């Protein structure tokens, strides 16, 4: 198979800056992702509502998670920060099943994410 590595993080603390959202990832967690030495490492950030009771709705027919996900292709170098690294993710990089399918199709043709 094709090497696509990913990690999912969830947070209520995303900031909007222009056409991007900003996610502050723990510096050690970021460096572990960079250390994978793989051209195809993706961080998926799930934006959650501030109110925890609004995060998930469950019914017999479905489960819905509120808000949305964004994806970020992790590239080096490692951060020298000791606490966190601010990742600026374009709002256009929303993540859903179609996004995943597009990534896998791209990998199948090109062997690496753009």
N, C-alpha and C. Protein backbone atom coordinates (compact mmCIF):
# COMPACT_ATOMS: atom_id res chain seq x y z
N UNK A 1 0.81 -1.19 0.00
CA UNK A 1 0.00 0.00 0.00
C UNK A 1 0.85 1.26 0.00
N UNK A 2 0.19 2.34 -0.15
CA UNK A 2 0.85 3.64 -0.17
C UNK A 2 1.00 4.18 1.25
N UNK A 3 2.13 4.79 1.54
CA UNK A 3 2.36 5.30 2.89
C UNK A 3 1.66 6.64 3.13
N UNK A 4 0.56 6.60 3.86
CA UNK A 4 -0.10 7.83 4.30
C UNK A 4 -0.25 7.72 5.81
N UNK A 5 0.45 8.58 6.51
CA UNK A 5 0.38 8.58 7.96
C UNK A 5 -0.43 9.77 8.41
N UNK A 6 -1.24 9.57 9.42
CA UNK A 6 -2.06 10.67 9.90
C UNK A 6 -2.25 10.62 11.39
N UNK A 7 -2.56 11.76 11.94
CA UNK A 7 -2.91 11.87 13.34
C UNK A 7 -4.06 12.84 13.44
N UNK A 8 -5.01 12.52 14.31
CA UNK A 8 -6.18 13.38 14.51
C UNK A 8 -6.08 14.03 15.88
N UNK A 9 -6.28 15.33 15.90
CA UNK A 9 -6.34 16.10 17.15
C UNK A 9 -7.68 16.82 17.17
N UNK A 10 -8.22 17.03 18.34
CA UNK A 10 -9.45 17.81 18.46
C UNK A 10 -9.22 18.95 19.43
N UNK A 11 -9.92 20.06 19.19
CA UNK A 11 -9.74 21.23 20.03
C UNK A 11 -10.92 22.18 19.94
N UNK A 12 -11.11 22.95 20.99
CA UNK A 12 -12.09 24.04 20.96
C UNK A 12 -11.35 25.37 20.77
N UNK A 13 -10.03 25.30 20.71
CA UNK A 13 -9.20 26.50 20.68
C UNK A 13 -8.53 26.76 19.34
N UNK A 14 -9.33 26.95 18.31
CA UNK A 14 -8.79 27.36 17.02
C UNK A 14 -9.01 28.86 16.86
N UNK A 15 -8.02 29.52 16.29
CA UNK A 15 -8.16 30.95 16.00
C UNK A 15 -8.29 31.12 14.50
N UNK A 16 -9.06 32.13 14.10
CA UNK A 16 -9.17 32.46 12.68
C UNK A 16 -8.31 33.69 12.41
N UNK A 17 -7.45 33.58 11.41
CA UNK A 17 -6.60 34.69 11.00
C UNK A 17 -6.72 34.79 9.48
N UNK A 18 -7.49 35.76 9.01
CA UNK A 18 -7.70 35.90 7.58
C UNK A 18 -8.36 34.67 7.00
N UNK A 19 -7.73 34.08 6.00
CA UNK A 19 -8.29 32.90 5.34
C UNK A 19 -7.73 31.59 5.92
N UNK A 20 -7.17 31.68 7.11
CA UNK A 20 -6.60 30.49 7.76
C UNK A 20 -7.17 30.31 9.15
N UNK A 21 -7.03 29.08 9.64
CA UNK A 21 -7.25 28.82 11.05
C UNK A 21 -5.87 28.51 11.63
N UNK A 22 -5.70 28.80 12.92
CA UNK A 22 -4.42 28.58 13.56
C UNK A 22 -4.61 27.57 14.68
N UNK A 23 -3.83 26.51 14.63
CA UNK A 23 -3.86 25.46 15.65
C UNK A 23 -2.51 25.42 16.34
N UNK A 24 -2.51 25.53 17.66
CA UNK A 24 -1.28 25.44 18.44
C UNK A 24 -1.09 24.00 18.88
N UNK A 25 -0.15 23.32 18.22
CA UNK A 25 0.15 21.93 18.55
C UNK A 25 1.31 21.89 19.53
N UNK A 26 1.25 20.95 20.44
CA UNK A 26 2.34 20.74 21.38
C UNK A 26 3.63 20.51 20.60
N UNK A 27 4.70 21.18 20.99
CA UNK A 27 5.97 21.11 20.25
C UNK A 27 6.48 19.68 20.15
N UNK A 28 6.40 18.93 21.23
CA UNK A 28 6.89 17.55 21.21
C UNK A 28 6.06 16.69 20.25
N UNK A 29 4.74 16.88 20.24
CA UNK A 29 3.88 16.14 19.32
C UNK A 29 4.21 16.49 17.87
N UNK A 30 4.45 17.77 17.59
CA UNK A 30 4.80 18.18 16.23
C UNK A 30 6.12 17.53 15.81
N UNK A 31 7.10 17.58 16.68
CA UNK A 31 8.40 17.01 16.33
C UNK A 31 8.32 15.50 16.09
N UNK A 32 7.45 14.81 16.81
CA UNK A 32 7.27 13.37 16.56
C UNK A 32 6.69 13.14 15.17
N UNK A 33 5.77 14.01 14.73
CA UNK A 33 5.21 13.88 13.39
C UNK A 33 6.27 14.15 12.32
N UNK A 34 7.09 15.18 12.54
CA UNK A 34 8.16 15.51 11.59
C UNK A 34 9.17 14.36 11.51
N UNK A 35 9.42 13.73 12.64
CA UNK A 35 10.41 12.67 12.72
C UNK A 35 10.02 11.42 11.92
N UNK A 36 8.76 11.33 11.49
CA UNK A 36 8.30 10.15 10.75
C UNK A 36 9.09 9.93 9.47
N UNK A 37 9.75 10.97 8.98
CA UNK A 37 10.57 10.87 7.75
C UNK A 37 9.77 10.26 6.60
N UNK A 38 8.60 10.80 6.44
CA UNK A 38 7.69 10.32 5.40
C UNK A 38 7.14 11.57 4.72
N UNK A 39 7.07 11.56 3.40
CA UNK A 39 6.55 12.72 2.67
C UNK A 39 5.05 12.87 2.78
N UNK A 40 4.39 11.90 3.39
CA UNK A 40 2.94 11.86 3.40
C UNK A 40 2.37 11.77 4.81
N UNK A 41 2.72 12.74 5.65
CA UNK A 41 2.21 12.81 7.01
C UNK A 41 1.20 13.94 7.08
N UNK A 42 -0.01 13.62 7.54
CA UNK A 42 -1.09 14.59 7.59
C UNK A 42 -1.61 14.70 9.02
N UNK A 43 -1.77 15.93 9.47
CA UNK A 43 -2.41 16.20 10.75
C UNK A 43 -3.84 16.63 10.44
N UNK A 44 -4.79 16.00 11.08
CA UNK A 44 -6.20 16.35 10.92
C UNK A 44 -6.67 16.98 12.22
N UNK A 45 -7.18 18.20 12.13
CA UNK A 45 -7.60 18.95 13.32
C UNK A 45 -9.12 19.07 13.29
N UNK A 46 -9.76 18.54 14.32
CA UNK A 46 -11.21 18.61 14.46
C UNK A 46 -11.56 19.81 15.34
N UNK A 47 -12.28 20.75 14.76
CA UNK A 47 -12.75 21.92 15.50
C UNK A 47 -14.05 21.55 16.21
N UNK A 48 -14.06 21.69 17.52
CA UNK A 48 -15.23 21.36 18.32
C UNK A 48 -15.88 22.62 18.88
N UNK A 49 -17.19 22.57 19.16
CA UNK A 49 -17.85 23.71 19.80
C UNK A 49 -17.30 23.92 21.22
N UNK A 50 -17.42 25.12 21.72
CA UNK A 50 -16.94 25.41 23.09
C UNK A 50 -17.70 24.59 24.13
N UNK A 51 -19.00 24.41 23.92
CA UNK A 51 -19.84 23.67 24.86
C UNK A 51 -19.69 22.17 24.61
N UNK A 52 -19.15 21.45 25.56
CA UNK A 52 -18.90 20.02 25.41
C UNK A 52 -20.17 19.23 25.10
N UNK A 53 -21.29 19.66 25.62
CA UNK A 53 -22.56 18.96 25.37
C UNK A 53 -22.96 19.01 23.90
N UNK A 54 -22.38 19.94 23.13
CA UNK A 54 -22.70 20.09 21.71
C UNK A 54 -21.76 19.32 20.78
N UNK A 55 -20.77 18.62 21.31
CA UNK A 55 -19.76 17.97 20.48
C UNK A 55 -20.33 16.88 19.59
N UNK A 56 -21.14 15.99 20.17
CA UNK A 56 -21.61 14.82 19.44
C UNK A 56 -23.10 14.63 19.65
N UNK A 57 -23.80 14.31 18.58
CA UNK A 57 -25.21 13.94 18.66
C UNK A 57 -25.32 12.49 18.19
N UNK A 58 -25.96 11.66 19.00
CA UNK A 58 -26.08 10.25 18.67
C UNK A 58 -27.56 9.87 18.61
N UNK A 59 -27.89 9.12 17.58
CA UNK A 59 -29.25 8.63 17.36
C UNK A 59 -29.11 7.19 16.89
N UNK A 60 -30.19 6.45 16.83
CA UNK A 60 -30.13 5.07 16.35
C UNK A 60 -29.67 4.99 14.90
N UNK A 61 -29.92 6.05 14.12
CA UNK A 61 -29.60 6.03 12.70
C UNK A 61 -28.30 6.75 12.33
N UNK A 62 -27.75 7.54 13.22
CA UNK A 62 -26.55 8.30 12.86
C UNK A 62 -25.81 8.80 14.10
N UNK A 63 -24.58 9.22 13.86
CA UNK A 63 -23.79 9.93 14.86
C UNK A 63 -23.22 11.15 14.15
N UNK A 64 -23.40 12.32 14.73
CA UNK A 64 -22.91 13.55 14.11
C UNK A 64 -21.95 14.25 15.06
N UNK A 65 -20.80 14.63 14.52
CA UNK A 65 -19.82 15.40 15.28
C UNK A 65 -19.91 16.82 14.77
N UNK A 66 -20.07 17.78 15.69
CA UNK A 66 -20.27 19.17 15.29
C UNK A 66 -18.97 19.83 14.81
N UNK A 67 -19.15 20.77 13.96
CA UNK A 67 -18.14 21.59 13.30
C UNK A 67 -17.43 20.80 12.22
N UNK A 68 -16.13 21.00 12.05
CA UNK A 68 -15.47 20.38 10.90
C UNK A 68 -14.02 20.08 11.19
N UNK A 69 -13.40 19.41 10.22
CA UNK A 69 -11.98 19.08 10.31
C UNK A 69 -11.21 19.83 9.23
N UNK A 70 -9.95 20.09 9.53
CA UNK A 70 -9.02 20.68 8.58
C UNK A 70 -7.80 19.77 8.52
N UNK A 71 -7.09 19.79 7.40
CA UNK A 71 -5.88 18.98 7.29
C UNK A 71 -4.67 19.84 7.01
N UNK A 72 -3.52 19.34 7.46
CA UNK A 72 -2.25 20.05 7.34
C UNK A 72 -1.18 19.03 6.99
N UNK A 73 -0.50 19.24 5.89
CA UNK A 73 0.62 18.35 5.53
C UNK A 73 1.82 18.74 6.37
N UNK A 74 2.31 17.79 7.14
CA UNK A 74 3.43 18.05 8.05
C UNK A 74 4.73 17.95 7.27
N UNK A 75 5.49 19.03 7.32
CA UNK A 75 6.81 19.06 6.70
C UNK A 75 7.78 19.62 7.73
N UNK A 76 9.03 19.24 7.61
CA UNK A 76 10.06 19.72 8.53
C UNK A 76 10.29 21.20 8.38
N UNK A 77 11.18 21.76 9.08
CA UNK A 77 12.03 21.10 10.07
C UNK A 77 11.33 21.00 11.43
N UNK A 78 11.99 20.30 12.33
CA UNK A 78 11.50 20.23 13.70
C UNK A 78 11.47 21.63 14.29
N UNK A 79 10.58 21.85 15.24
CA UNK A 79 10.52 23.15 15.89
C UNK A 79 11.50 23.18 17.07
N UNK A 80 12.08 24.34 17.29
CA UNK A 80 12.95 24.53 18.45
C UNK A 80 12.15 25.03 19.65
N UNK A 81 10.88 25.35 19.42
CA UNK A 81 10.03 25.81 20.52
C UNK A 81 9.92 24.69 21.56
N UNK A 82 9.73 25.08 22.81
CA UNK A 82 9.61 24.07 23.86
C UNK A 82 8.17 23.81 24.25
N UNK A 83 7.26 24.74 23.95
CA UNK A 83 5.86 24.57 24.36
C UNK A 83 4.95 24.17 23.20
N UNK A 84 4.91 24.99 22.15
CA UNK A 84 3.98 24.70 21.06
C UNK A 84 4.48 25.32 19.76
N UNK A 85 3.81 24.89 18.68
CA UNK A 85 4.08 25.45 17.36
C UNK A 85 2.73 25.83 16.77
N UNK A 86 2.63 27.04 16.26
CA UNK A 86 1.40 27.52 15.64
C UNK A 86 1.38 27.07 14.18
N UNK A 87 0.34 26.30 13.82
CA UNK A 87 0.17 25.85 12.45
C UNK A 87 -0.92 26.68 11.80
N UNK A 88 -0.62 27.31 10.69
CA UNK A 88 -1.59 28.10 9.94
C UNK A 88 -2.13 27.21 8.81
N UNK A 89 -3.42 26.89 8.91
CA UNK A 89 -4.05 25.97 7.96
C UNK A 89 -5.09 26.73 7.16
N UNK A 90 -4.96 26.74 5.84
CA UNK A 90 -5.97 27.42 5.03
C UNK A 90 -7.36 26.83 5.28
N UNK A 91 -8.36 27.71 5.41
CA UNK A 91 -9.73 27.25 5.62
C UNK A 91 -10.19 26.36 4.47
N UNK A 92 -9.61 26.54 3.29
CA UNK A 92 -9.97 25.72 2.14
C UNK A 92 -9.56 24.26 2.32
N UNK A 93 -8.69 23.97 3.27
CA UNK A 93 -8.22 22.61 3.51
C UNK A 93 -9.13 21.90 4.51
N UNK A 94 -10.43 21.93 4.25
CA UNK A 94 -11.34 21.16 5.10
C UNK A 94 -11.14 19.69 4.77
N UNK A 95 -11.44 18.83 5.74
CA UNK A 95 -11.19 17.40 5.57
C UNK A 95 -12.49 16.63 5.74
N UNK A 96 -12.79 15.79 4.74
CA UNK A 96 -13.94 14.90 4.81
C UNK A 96 -13.61 13.65 4.00
N UNK A 97 -14.59 12.79 3.80
CA UNK A 97 -14.32 11.54 3.09
C UNK A 97 -13.84 11.80 1.66
N UNK A 98 -14.36 12.83 1.01
CA UNK A 98 -13.92 13.18 -0.34
C UNK A 98 -12.47 13.61 -0.36
N UNK A 99 -12.06 14.35 0.65
CA UNK A 99 -10.67 14.79 0.76
C UNK A 99 -9.75 13.58 0.89
N UNK A 100 -10.13 12.64 1.75
CA UNK A 100 -9.32 11.44 1.92
C UNK A 100 -9.22 10.65 0.61
N UNK A 101 -10.32 10.50 -0.08
CA UNK A 101 -10.31 9.79 -1.36
C UNK A 101 -9.39 10.50 -2.36
N UNK A 102 -9.48 11.82 -2.45
CA UNK A 102 -8.60 12.58 -3.34
C UNK A 102 -7.13 12.39 -2.99
N UNK A 103 -6.81 12.39 -1.68
CA UNK A 103 -5.43 12.17 -1.25
C UNK A 103 -4.93 10.80 -1.69
N UNK A 104 -5.75 9.78 -1.48
CA UNK A 104 -5.34 8.42 -1.84
C UNK A 104 -5.18 8.27 -3.35
N UNK A 105 -6.06 8.89 -4.12
CA UNK A 105 -5.93 8.84 -5.58
C UNK A 105 -4.66 9.56 -6.03
N UNK A 106 -4.37 10.71 -5.41
CA UNK A 106 -3.15 11.45 -5.75
C UNK A 106 -1.91 10.61 -5.42
N UNK A 107 -1.92 9.97 -4.25
CA UNK A 107 -0.79 9.13 -3.86
C UNK A 107 -0.61 7.96 -4.83
N UNK A 108 -1.70 7.41 -5.28
CA UNK A 108 -1.63 6.29 -6.22
C UNK A 108 -0.93 6.71 -7.52
N UNK A 109 -1.18 7.94 -7.96
CA UNK A 109 -0.57 8.44 -9.20
C UNK A 109 0.84 8.99 -8.99
N UNK A 110 1.05 9.72 -7.89
CA UNK A 110 2.29 10.49 -7.74
C UNK A 110 3.19 10.02 -6.61
N UNK A 111 2.71 9.14 -5.76
CA UNK A 111 3.48 8.56 -4.65
C UNK A 111 3.77 9.53 -3.51
N UNK A 112 3.36 10.78 -3.64
CA UNK A 112 3.54 11.74 -2.54
C UNK A 112 2.48 12.82 -2.64
N UNK A 113 2.11 13.38 -1.49
CA UNK A 113 1.13 14.45 -1.47
C UNK A 113 1.75 15.73 -1.98
N UNK A 114 0.91 16.61 -2.56
CA UNK A 114 1.46 17.89 -3.05
C UNK A 114 1.86 18.80 -1.90
